[in-house]
C-alpha atoms as a PDB file:
ATOM      1  CA  MET A   1       1.373  55.286  28.325  1.00  0.00           C
ATOM      2  CA  SER A   2       1.436  51.709  29.506  1.00  0.00           C
ATOM      3  CA  TRP A   3       1.449  48.615  27.314  1.00  0.00           C
ATOM      4  CA  LYS A   4      -0.377  45.498  28.257  1.00  0.00           C
ATOM      5  CA  ARG A   5       1.583  42.340  27.871  1.00  0.00           C
ATOM      6  CA  ILE A   6      -0.106  40.035  25.345  1.00  0.00           C
ATOM      7  CA  PRO A   7       0.052  36.513  26.728  1.00  0.00           C
ATOM      8  CA  PHE A   8       1.902  34.035  24.525  1.00  0.00           C
ATOM      9  CA  ARG A   9      -0.459  31.404  23.208  1.00  0.00           C
ATOM     10  CA  LYS A  10       1.109  28.010  22.838  1.00  0.00           C
ATOM     11  CA  LYS A  11       0.447  26.393  19.491  1.00  0.00           C
ATOM     12  CA  PRO A  12      -1.562  23.159  19.700  1.00  0.00           C
ATOM     13  CA  PRO A  13       0.283  19.942  18.857  1.00  0.00           C
ATOM     14  CA  ALA A  14      -0.126  18.715  15.288  1.00  0.00           C
ATOM     15  CA  VAL A  15      -0.546  15.238  13.829  1.00  0.00           C
ATOM     16  CA  ALA A  16       0.016  14.774  10.098  1.00  0.00           C
ATOM     17  CA  VAL A  17      -2.571  12.416   8.624  1.00  0.00           C
ATOM     18  CA  LEU A  18      -1.244  10.458   5.655  1.00  0.00           C
ATOM     19  CA  ARG A  19      -3.960   8.357   4.011  1.00  0.00           C
ATOM     20  CA  LEU A  20      -2.711   5.356   2.013  1.00  0.00           C
ATOM     21  CA  ASP A  21      -5.768   4.074   0.173  1.00  0.00           C
ATOM     22  CA  GLY A  22      -5.795   1.651  -2.760  1.00  0.00           C
ATOM     23  CA  VAL A  23      -3.989  -1.148  -4.541  1.00  0.00           C
ATOM     24  CA  ILE A  24      -0.186  -0.898  -4.449  1.00  0.00           C
ATOM     25  CA  SER A  25       1.144  -0.791  -7.992  1.00  0.00           C
ATOM     26  CA  ALA A  26       3.832   0.997  -9.979  1.00  0.00           C
ATOM     27  CA  SER A  27       1.331   1.854 -12.696  1.00  0.00           C
ATOM     28  CA  GLY A  28      -2.324   1.672 -13.605  1.00  0.00           C
ATOM     29  CA  PRO A  29      -5.399   3.895 -13.604  1.00  0.00           C
ATOM     30  CA  ARG A  30      -6.964   5.149 -10.409  1.00  0.00           C
ATOM     31  CA  LEU A  31     -10.055   3.061  -9.941  1.00  0.00           C
ATOM     32  CA  ARG A  32     -11.111   2.463  -6.355  1.00  0.00           C
ATOM     33  CA  GLY A  33      -9.193   4.896  -4.183  1.00  0.00           C
ATOM     34  CA  SER A  34      -5.688   5.493  -5.458  1.00  0.00           C
ATOM     35  CA  THR A  35      -2.920   3.436  -6.989  1.00  0.00           C
ATOM     36  CA  LEU A  36      -0.150   3.607  -4.421  1.00  0.00           C
ATOM     37  CA  SER A  37       3.468   3.767  -5.561  1.00  0.00           C
ATOM     38  CA  ILE A  38       6.625   5.483  -4.347  1.00  0.00           C
ATOM     39  CA  GLN A  39       6.315   7.884  -7.287  1.00  0.00           C
ATOM     40  CA  SER A  40       2.778   8.921  -6.379  1.00  0.00           C
ATOM     41  CA  GLN A  41       3.396   9.098  -2.616  1.00  0.00           C
ATOM     42  CA  ALA A  42       6.975  10.377  -2.156  1.00  0.00           C
ATOM     43  CA  ALA A  43       6.072  14.079  -2.133  1.00  0.00           C
ATOM     44  CA  ARG A  44       3.167  13.530   0.283  1.00  0.00           C
ATOM     45  CA  ILE A  45       5.371  11.521   2.642  1.00  0.00           C
ATOM     46  CA  GLU A  46       7.997  14.288   2.643  1.00  0.00           C
ATOM     47  CA  ARG A  47       5.367  16.958   3.400  1.00  0.00           C
ATOM     48  CA  ALA A  48       3.911  14.880   6.230  1.00  0.00           C
ATOM     49  CA  PHE A  49       7.135  15.250   8.203  1.00  0.00           C
ATOM     50  CA  LYS A  50       7.368  19.029   7.666  1.00  0.00           C
ATOM     51  CA  VAL A  51       4.141  20.079   9.403  1.00  0.00           C
ATOM     52  CA  PRO A  52       4.812  22.814  12.031  1.00  0.00           C
ATOM     53  CA  ASN A  53       4.715  21.740  15.688  1.00  0.00           C
ATOM     54  CA  LEU A  54       4.455  18.119  14.566  1.00  0.00           C
ATOM     55  CA  LYS A  55       4.188  15.467  17.262  1.00  0.00           C
ATOM     56  CA  ALA A  56       3.459  12.350  15.191  1.00  0.00           C
ATOM     57  CA  VAL A  57       2.529  11.059  11.750  1.00  0.00           C
ATOM     58  CA  ALA A  58      -0.640   8.962  11.458  1.00  0.00           C
ATOM     59  CA  LEU A  59      -0.874   6.458   8.608  1.00  0.00           C
ATOM     60  CA  VAL A  60      -4.497   5.700   7.733  1.00  0.00           C
ATOM     61  CA  ILE A  61      -4.351   2.528   5.646  1.00  0.00           C
ATOM     62  CA  ASN A  62      -6.987   0.912   3.487  1.00  0.00           C
ATOM     63  CA  SER A  63      -5.145  -1.365   1.080  1.00  0.00           C
ATOM     64  CA  PRO A  64      -5.442  -5.028   0.024  1.00  0.00           C
ATOM     65  CA  GLY A  65      -1.821  -5.042  -1.138  1.00  0.00           C
ATOM     66  CA  GLY A  66      -0.157  -5.332  -4.512  1.00  0.00           C
ATOM     67  CA  SER A  67       3.465  -4.833  -5.514  1.00  0.00           C
ATOM     68  CA  ALA A  68       5.986  -6.047  -2.923  1.00  0.00           C
ATOM     69  CA  VAL A  69       8.641  -3.696  -4.288  1.00  0.00           C
ATOM     70  CA  GLN A  70       6.418  -0.616  -4.083  1.00  0.00           C
ATOM     71  CA  SER A  71       5.289  -1.637  -0.586  1.00  0.00           C
ATOM     72  CA  ALA A  72       8.905  -1.879   0.545  1.00  0.00           C
ATOM     73  CA  LEU A  73       9.851   1.437  -1.072  1.00  0.00           C
ATOM     74  CA  ILE A  74       6.947   3.359   0.480  1.00  0.00           C
ATOM     75  CA  ALA A  75       7.474   1.818   3.926  1.00  0.00           C
ATOM     76  CA  GLY A  76      11.215   2.405   3.673  1.00  0.00           C
ATOM     77  CA  ARG A  77      10.754   6.099   2.863  1.00  0.00           C
ATOM     78  CA  ILE A  78       8.415   6.535   5.843  1.00  0.00           C
ATOM     79  CA  ARG A  79      10.860   4.835   8.207  1.00  0.00           C
ATOM     80  CA  ALA A  80      13.830   6.853   6.919  1.00  0.00           C
ATOM     81  CA  LEU A  81      12.045  10.160   7.537  1.00  0.00           C
ATOM     82  CA  ALA A  82      10.702   9.020  10.923  1.00  0.00           C
ATOM     83  CA  GLU A  83      14.234   8.282  12.080  1.00  0.00           C
ATOM     84  CA  GLU A  84      15.630  11.460  10.520  1.00  0.00           C
ATOM     85  CA  HIS A  85      13.061  13.674  12.292  1.00  0.00           C
ATOM     86  CA  GLU A  86      12.853  11.471  15.405  1.00  0.00           C
ATOM     87  CA  LEU A  87       9.069  11.338  15.215  1.00  0.00           C
ATOM     88  CA  PRO A  88       6.686   8.485  16.030  1.00  0.00           C
ATOM     89  CA  VAL A  89       4.568   6.962  13.275  1.00  0.00           C
ATOM     90  CA  ILE A  90       1.252   5.398  14.255  1.00  0.00           C
ATOM     91  CA  ALA A  91      -0.641   3.233  11.731  1.00  0.00           C
ATOM     92  CA  PHE A  92      -4.425   2.814  11.661  1.00  0.00           C
ATOM     93  CA  ALA A  93      -6.131   0.158   9.541  1.00  0.00           C
ATOM     94  CA  GLU A  94      -9.609   0.765   8.153  1.00  0.00           C
ATOM     95  CA  ASP A  95     -11.340  -1.948   6.090  1.00  0.00           C
ATOM     96  CA  VAL A  96      -8.179  -3.820   5.192  1.00  0.00           C
ATOM     97  CA  ALA A  97      -4.430  -3.717   5.773  1.00  0.00           C
ATOM     98  CA  ALA A  98      -3.448  -7.001   4.193  1.00  0.00           C
ATOM     99  CA  SER A  99      -0.470  -8.278   2.233  1.00  0.00           C
ATOM    100  CA  GLY A 100       1.299  -5.131   0.998  1.00  0.00           C
ATOM    101  CA  GLY A 101      -1.191  -3.093   3.019  1.00  0.00           C
ATOM    102  CA  TYR A 102       0.079  -4.794   6.178  1.00  0.00           C
ATOM    103  CA  TRP A 103       3.635  -4.155   4.979  1.00  0.00           C
ATOM    104  CA  LEU A 104       2.758  -0.429   4.981  1.00  0.00           C
ATOM    105  CA  ALA A 105       1.194  -0.722   8.436  1.00  0.00           C
ATOM    106  CA  CYS A 106       4.431  -2.193   9.759  1.00  0.00           C
ATOM    107  CA  ALA A 107       6.119   1.109   8.920  1.00  0.00           C
ATOM    108  CA  GLY A 108       4.321   2.385  12.025  1.00  0.00           C
ATOM    109  CA  ASP A 109       5.814   2.125  15.491  1.00  0.00           C
ATOM    110  CA  GLU A 110       2.336   1.019  16.586  1.00  0.00           C
ATOM    111  CA  ILE A 111      -0.656  -0.365  14.684  1.00  0.00           C
ATOM    112  CA  PHE A 112      -4.300   0.120  15.640  1.00  0.00           C
ATOM    113  CA  VAL A 113      -7.289  -1.490  13.943  1.00  0.00           C
ATOM    114  CA  ASN A 114     -11.059  -1.819  14.044  1.00  0.00           C
ATOM    115  CA  GLU A 115     -12.471  -5.085  15.391  1.00  0.00           C
ATOM    116  CA  ALA A 116     -13.659  -5.981  11.875  1.00  0.00           C
ATOM    117  CA  SER A 117     -10.586  -4.813   9.938  1.00  0.00           C
ATOM    118  CA  ILE A 118      -8.918  -7.455   7.768  1.00  0.00           C
ATOM    119  CA  VAL A 119      -5.239  -7.805   8.685  1.00  0.00           C
ATOM    120  CA  GLY A 120      -2.331 -10.040   7.712  1.00  0.00           C
ATOM    121  CA  SER A 121      -2.093 -12.106   4.527  1.00  0.00           C
ATOM    122  CA  ILE A 122       1.687 -12.281   4.858  1.00  0.00           C
ATOM    123  CA  GLY A 123       2.401 -14.086   1.620  1.00  0.00           C
ATOM    124  CA  VAL A 124       3.050 -13.648  -2.081  1.00  0.00           C
ATOM    125  CA  VAL A 125       0.635 -14.360  -4.930  1.00  0.00           C
ATOM    126  CA  SER A 126       0.960 -14.319  -8.711  1.00  0.00           C
ATOM    127  CA  SER A 127      -1.965 -14.823 -11.059  1.00  0.00           C
ATOM    128  CA  GLY A 128      -2.728 -14.667 -14.742  1.00  0.00           C
ATOM    129  CA  PHE A 129      -4.622 -16.309 -17.587  1.00  0.00           C
ATOM    130  CA  GLY A 130      -3.871 -18.984 -20.159  1.00  0.00           C
ATOM    131  CA  PHE A 131      -5.110 -18.219 -23.674  1.00  0.00           C
ATOM    132  CA  GLN A 132      -3.465 -20.976 -25.740  1.00  0.00           C
ATOM    133  CA  GLU A 133      -6.677 -22.980 -26.258  1.00  0.00           C
ATOM    134  CA  LEU A 134      -8.695 -19.842 -27.016  1.00  0.00           C
ATOM    135  CA  ILE A 135      -6.433 -18.686 -29.833  1.00  0.00           C
ATOM    136  CA  ALA A 136      -6.199 -22.249 -31.210  1.00  0.00           C
ATOM    137  CA  ARG A 137     -10.010 -22.441 -31.367  1.00  0.00           C
ATOM    138  CA  TYR A 138     -10.133 -19.359 -33.573  1.00  0.00           C
ATOM    139  CA  GLY A 139      -7.210 -20.373 -35.744  1.00  0.00           C
ATOM    140  CA  ILE A 140      -4.890 -17.661 -34.437  1.00  0.00           C
ATOM    141  CA  GLU A 141      -1.191 -18.398 -34.866  1.00  0.00           C
ATOM    142  CA  ARG A 142       1.118 -17.189 -32.089  1.00  0.00           C
ATOM    143  CA  ARG A 143       4.434 -15.827 -33.408  1.00  0.00           C
ATOM    144  CA  MET A 144       7.236 -15.006 -31.022  1.00  0.00           C
ATOM    145  CA  HIS A 145      10.986 -14.781 -31.591  1.00  0.00           C
ATOM    146  CA  THR A 146      13.374 -14.478 -28.654  1.00  0.00           C
ATOM    147  CA  ALA A 147      17.087 -14.425 -27.912  1.00  0.00           C
ATOM    148  CA  GLY A 148      17.430 -16.353 -24.662  1.00  0.00           C
ATOM    149  CA  GLU A 149      15.634 -19.609 -23.926  1.00  0.00           C
ATOM    150  CA  SER A 150      13.826 -18.221 -20.856  1.00  0.00           C
ATOM    151  CA  LYS A 151      12.700 -14.938 -22.380  1.00  0.00           C
ATOM    152  CA  ALA A 152       9.152 -16.220 -23.004  1.00  0.00           C
ATOM    153  CA  THR A 153       8.741 -17.724 -19.525  1.00  0.00           C
ATOM    154  CA  LEU A 154       5.059 -18.024 -18.508  1.00  0.00           C
ATOM    155  CA  ASP A 155       3.813 -16.465 -21.747  1.00  0.00           C
ATOM    156  CA  PRO A 156      -0.019 -16.554 -21.396  1.00  0.00           C
ATOM    157  CA  PHE A 157      -0.429 -17.704 -25.016  1.00  0.00           C
ATOM    158  CA  LEU A 158       1.757 -20.798 -24.539  1.00  0.00           C
ATOM    159  CA  PRO A 159       1.185 -23.888 -22.351  1.00  0.00           C
ATOM    160  CA  GLU A 160       2.783 -23.710 -18.911  1.00  0.00           C
ATOM    161  CA  LYS A 161       6.108 -25.495 -18.475  1.00  0.00           C
ATOM    162  CA  PRO A 162       6.866 -27.155 -15.124  1.00  0.00           C
ATOM    163  CA  GLU A 163      10.326 -25.598 -15.044  1.00  0.00           C
ATOM    164  CA  ASP A 164       8.846 -22.115 -15.531  1.00  0.00           C
ATOM    165  CA  VAL A 165       6.395 -22.637 -12.672  1.00  0.00           C
ATOM    166  CA  ALA A 166       9.207 -23.911 -10.447  1.00  0.00           C
ATOM    167  CA  HIS A 167      11.266 -20.801 -11.207  1.00  0.00           C
ATOM    168  CA  LEU A 168       8.308 -18.550 -10.390  1.00  0.00           C
ATOM    169  CA  LYS A 169       7.734 -20.316  -7.071  1.00  0.00           C
ATOM    170  CA  GLN A 170      11.391 -19.876  -6.128  1.00  0.00           C
ATOM    171  CA  THR A 171      11.141 -16.172  -6.887  1.00  0.00           C
ATOM    172  CA  GLN A 172       8.012 -15.956  -4.755  1.00  0.00           C
ATOM    173  CA  GLU A 173       9.792 -17.714  -1.895  1.00  0.00           C
ATOM    174  CA  ASP A 174      12.590 -15.125  -2.029  1.00  0.00           C
ATOM    175  CA  VAL A 175      10.092 -12.248  -1.820  1.00  0.00           C
ATOM    176  CA  HIS A 176       8.143 -14.044   0.920  1.00  0.00           C
ATOM    177  CA  GLU A 177      11.280 -14.401   3.032  1.00  0.00           C
ATOM    178  CA  HIS A 178      11.949 -10.681   2.678  1.00  0.00           C
ATOM    179  CA  PHE A 179       8.363  -9.925   3.776  1.00  0.00           C
ATOM    180  CA  LYS A 180       8.630 -12.243   6.809  1.00  0.00           C
ATOM    181  CA  ASP A 181      11.970 -10.748   7.850  1.00  0.00           C
ATOM    182  CA  TYR A 182      10.489  -7.257   7.681  1.00  0.00           C
ATOM    183  CA  VAL A 183       7.501  -8.195   9.846  1.00  0.00           C
ATOM    184  CA  ARG A 184       9.713  -9.928  12.417  1.00  0.00           C
ATOM    185  CA  ARG A 185      12.072  -6.954  12.494  1.00  0.00           C
ATOM    186  CA  ARG A 186       9.322  -4.350  12.882  1.00  0.00           C
ATOM    187  CA  ARG A 187       7.030  -6.242  15.284  1.00  0.00           C
ATOM    188  CA  GLY A 188       9.798  -7.903  17.282  1.00  0.00           C
ATOM    189  CA  GLU A 189       8.721  -9.475  20.548  1.00  0.00           C
ATOM    190  CA  LYS A 190       5.154  -8.217  20.111  1.00  0.00           C
ATOM    191  CA  ILE A 191       4.424 -11.237  17.914  1.00  0.00           C
ATOM    192  CA  ALA A 192       2.915 -13.854  20.192  1.00  0.00           C
ATOM    193  CA  ASN A 193       4.105 -16.854  18.171  1.00  0.00           C
ATOM    194  CA  PRO A 194       6.605 -15.997  15.417  1.00  0.00           C
ATOM    195  CA  SER A 195       6.279 -19.410  13.801  1.00  0.00           C
ATOM    196  CA  GLU A 196       5.660 -20.201  10.162  1.00  0.00           C
ATOM    197  CA  ASP A 197       1.913 -20.532  10.911  1.00  0.00           C
ATOM    198  CA  LEU A 198       1.730 -16.749  11.006  1.00  0.00           C
ATOM    199  CA  PHE A 199       3.207 -16.387   7.523  1.00  0.00           C
ATOM    200  CA  THR A 200       1.045 -18.717   5.435  1.00  0.00           C
ATOM    201  CA  GLY A 201      -0.905 -15.895   3.764  1.00  0.00           C
ATOM    202  CA  THR A 202      -3.867 -16.290   6.129  1.00  0.00           C
ATOM    203  CA  PHE A 203      -5.709 -13.109   7.127  1.00  0.00           C
ATOM    204  CA  TRP A 204      -7.557 -12.329  10.349  1.00  0.00           C
ATOM    205  CA  THR A 205      -9.996  -9.828  11.787  1.00  0.00           C
ATOM    206  CA  GLY A 206      -8.570  -6.949  13.772  1.00  0.00           C
ATOM    207  CA  GLN A 207      -9.764  -8.533  17.005  1.00  0.00           C
ATOM    208  CA  ARG A 208      -7.853 -11.750  16.271  1.00  0.00           C
ATOM    209  CA  ALA A 209      -4.810  -9.814  15.057  1.00  0.00           C
ATOM    210  CA  VAL A 210      -4.440  -8.165  18.473  1.00  0.00           C
ATOM    211  CA  GLY A 211      -4.081 -11.548  20.135  1.00  0.00           C
ATOM    212  CA  LEU A 212      -1.544 -12.665  17.563  1.00  0.00           C
ATOM    213  CA  GLY A 213       0.588  -9.567  18.098  1.00  0.00           C
ATOM    214  CA  LEU A 214       0.246  -8.426  14.503  1.00  0.00           C
ATOM    215  CA  VAL A 215      -1.254  -5.164  15.791  1.00  0.00           C
ATOM    216  CA  ASP A 216      -1.110  -3.281  19.083  1.00  0.00           C
ATOM    217  CA  GLY A 217      -4.752  -2.613  19.829  1.00  0.00           C
ATOM    218  CA  LEU A 218      -8.222  -1.517  18.807  1.00  0.00           C
ATOM    219  CA  GLY A 219      -8.956   2.132  18.175  1.00  0.00           C
ATOM    220  CA  ASP A 220      -9.581   4.842  15.607  1.00  0.00           C
ATOM    221  CA  MET A 221      -7.166   7.602  14.704  1.00  0.00           C
ATOM    222  CA  ARG A 222      -8.950  10.583  16.288  1.00  0.00           C
ATOM    223  CA  THR A 223      -9.619   8.851  19.611  1.00  0.00           C
ATOM    224  CA  VAL A 224      -6.127   7.401  20.009  1.00  0.00           C
ATOM    225  CA  MET A 225      -4.361  10.629  19.050  1.00  0.00           C
ATOM    226  CA  ARG A 226      -6.550  12.803  21.283  1.00  0.00           C
ATOM    227  CA  ASP A 227      -5.912  10.491  24.225  1.00  0.00           C
ATOM    228  CA  ARG A 228      -2.201  10.751  23.533  1.00  0.00           C
ATOM    229  CA  TYR A 229      -1.728  14.416  22.591  1.00  0.00           C
ATOM    230  CA  GLY A 230      -4.751  16.159  24.116  1.00  0.00           C
ATOM    231  CA  GLU A 231      -8.172  17.325  22.993  1.00  0.00           C
ATOM    232  CA  ASP A 232      -6.699  20.343  21.223  1.00  0.00           C
ATOM    233  CA  VAL A 233      -4.489  18.266  18.900  1.00  0.00           C
ATOM    234  CA  ARG A 234      -4.602  19.557  15.340  1.00  0.00           C
ATOM    235  CA  PHE A 235      -5.049  16.990  12.535  1.00  0.00           C
ATOM    236  CA  VAL A 236      -3.388  18.014   9.276  1.00  0.00           C
ATOM    237  CA  PRO A 237      -4.482  15.929   6.249  1.00  0.00           C
ATOM    238  CA  ILE A 238      -1.660  15.540   3.722  1.00  0.00           C
ATOM    239  CA  THR A 239      -3.539  15.686   0.426  1.00  0.00           C
ATOM    240  CA  GLU A 240      -2.241  15.304  -3.092  1.00  0.00           C
ATOM    241  CA  ARG A 241      -1.449  18.545  -4.842  1.00  0.00           C
ATOM    242  CA  LYS A 242      -2.999  18.873  -8.297  1.00  0.00           C
ATOM    243  CA  SER A 243      -2.249  21.728 -10.621  1.00  0.00           C
ATOM    244  CA  MET A 244      -4.947  23.262 -12.799  1.00  0.00           C
ATOM    245  CA  LEU A 245      -2.838  22.740 -15.939  1.00  0.00           C
ATOM    246  CA  ARG A 246      -2.415  19.054 -15.158  1.00  0.00           C
ATOM    247  CA  SER A 247      -6.164  18.674 -14.696  1.00  0.00           C
ATOM    248  CA  ILE A 248      -6.817  20.271 -18.090  1.00  0.00           C
ATOM    249  CA  PHE A 249      -3.980  18.804 -20.132  1.00  0.00           C
ATOM    250  CA  GLY A 250      -3.395  15.470 -18.402  1.00  0.00           C
ATOM    251  CA  ARG A 251      -0.083  13.786 -17.614  1.00  0.00           C
ATOM    252  CA  SER A 252       1.413  14.189 -21.085  1.00  0.00           C
ATOM    253  CA  GLY A 253       0.958  17.968 -21.165  1.00  0.00           C
ATOM    254  CA  THR A 254      -1.330  17.878 -24.215  1.00  0.00           C
ATOM    255  CA  MET A 255      -5.040  18.557 -24.406  1.00  0.00           C
ATOM    256  CA  MET A 256      -6.953  15.318 -23.966  1.00  0.00           C
ATOM    257  CA  SER A 257      -9.138  14.277 -26.880  1.00  0.00           C
ATOM    258  CA  LEU A 258     -11.879  11.687 -27.216  1.00  0.00           C
ATOM    259  CA  ASP A 259      -9.425   9.454 -29.087  1.00  0.00           C
ATOM    260  CA  GLY A 260      -6.962   9.788 -26.238  1.00  0.00           C
ATOM    261  CA  LEU A 261      -9.581   8.891 -23.693  1.00  0.00           C
ATOM    262  CA  THR A 262     -10.742   5.793 -25.541  1.00  0.00           C
ATOM    263  CA  ALA A 263      -7.350   4.534 -26.727  1.00  0.00           C
ATOM    264  CA  GLY A 264      -6.451   3.128 -23.327  1.00  0.00           C
ATOM    265  CA  LEU A 265      -9.817   1.560 -22.555  1.00  0.00           C
ATOM    266  CA  PRO A 266      -8.714  -2.087 -23.093  1.00  0.00           C
ATOM    267  CA  GLU A 267      -5.718  -1.602 -20.775  1.00  0.00           C
ATOM    268  CA  GLN A 268      -7.871   0.213 -18.219  1.00  0.00           C
ATOM    269  CA  THR A 269     -10.395  -2.626 -18.308  1.00  0.00           C
ATOM    270  CA  ILE A 270      -7.665  -5.179 -17.554  1.00  0.00           C
ATOM    271  CA  HIS A 271      -6.324  -3.040 -14.710  1.00  0.00           C
ATOM    272  CA  ALA A 272      -9.868  -2.635 -13.379  1.00  0.00           C
ATOM    273  CA  LEU A 273     -10.390  -6.403 -13.322  1.00  0.00           C
ATOM    274  CA  GLU A 274      -7.018  -6.991 -11.672  1.00  0.00           C
ATOM    275  CA  GLN A 275      -7.597  -4.403  -8.963  1.00  0.00           C
ATOM    276  CA  ARG A 276     -11.163  -5.591  -8.383  1.00  0.00           C
ATOM    277  CA  ALA A 277      -9.838  -9.134  -7.921  1.00  0.00           C
ATOM    278  CA  VAL A 278      -7.341  -7.938  -5.277  1.00  0.00           C
ATOM    279  CA  TRP A 279     -10.090  -6.258  -3.240  1.00  0.00           C
ATOM    280  CA  ALA A 280     -12.453  -9.213  -3.726  1.00  0.00           C
ATOM    281  CA  ARG A 281     -10.001 -11.590  -2.017  1.00  0.00           C
ATOM    282  CA  PHE A 282     -11.004  -9.947   1.262  1.00  0.00           C
ATOM    283  CA  GLY A 283     -14.738  -9.727   0.559  1.00  0.00           C
ATOM    284  CA  LEU A 284     -14.610  -6.029  -0.349  1.00  0.00           C
END
C-alpha cells in the first residue's frame, strides 16, 4: 500500500483589525459608536496581537478626541505590545482622527486617510457652563463648604475668577506640550514643518494632511493591506466580547429595572450633549 503525500498548505497572512470608534472618555454611556478608554479597550488590544500568523495590526480610527489621559494610555498600550511582538501597526482614519483621535493614529507606524477625512486638531480644549445667574433668578441659594481655598475652582454655580482661569490655562499648556512632544516623537522627520503653526488646534482634510506630513498617504485599509501582504491576506476583526449574563443583568450584576433605567437619564442626557458637541466641532 502506498500513501500519497498531502501537500502542506501555507496559512495565509493575517491582519488584526482593531476599530477605535467614538469619543475618548474614562466614563459615560455609549451613544454614537463607543466610549473609548483603556479599561474598555485593553483586552481587545491584547487579543489583537495574539492572532495566529499575524503580520500587522490595523487601527481603524473614527474619533473626534476626548480625554488626553485616556488617549495616551490607549496609544501607549498599543506601542508597548507592538514593540514586544515586533509587529507593525498601521493606522487608517475614517471620518475623523482629530485631537485625541489623532493621538491614537500616531500609535501607528504609518497613517493612511481618505481625502475628506478630518485630521489634526493638535490642541487642548476645556468647556463648561455658568449657572450663577440662572440660580439667582429663581432664588436658589448655593451652599458649599470646602477645606482648601482652591477646592471650588471653576465651580459652574459661581462667577469665574481670573486666577482660576489662569490656572486652567497653565494646566492646558502642560497637556498641550505633552501632546506636541508625542506627535514630534512619533512622526519625526515626516513632518514637513514642525513649527508651532502645526500645533494651534487647527484641523485639515486628509489631502492637506498628507502634504503637512501628519499622515503618510491616501488609502483604505483593505486596499493598502492587500497591496502589502497579498490578495489572500486574512482580516481578523477584534470585536468586544459580551457575555449573556452581562447583557441580561447589566454591569452591576443585578437585574435591570425600569427605575434603574430611568435613574441615570439626567446624567446620560448631559453626556449625550457633551459627546454630540465633540463630534459637531468637525461638522459630523
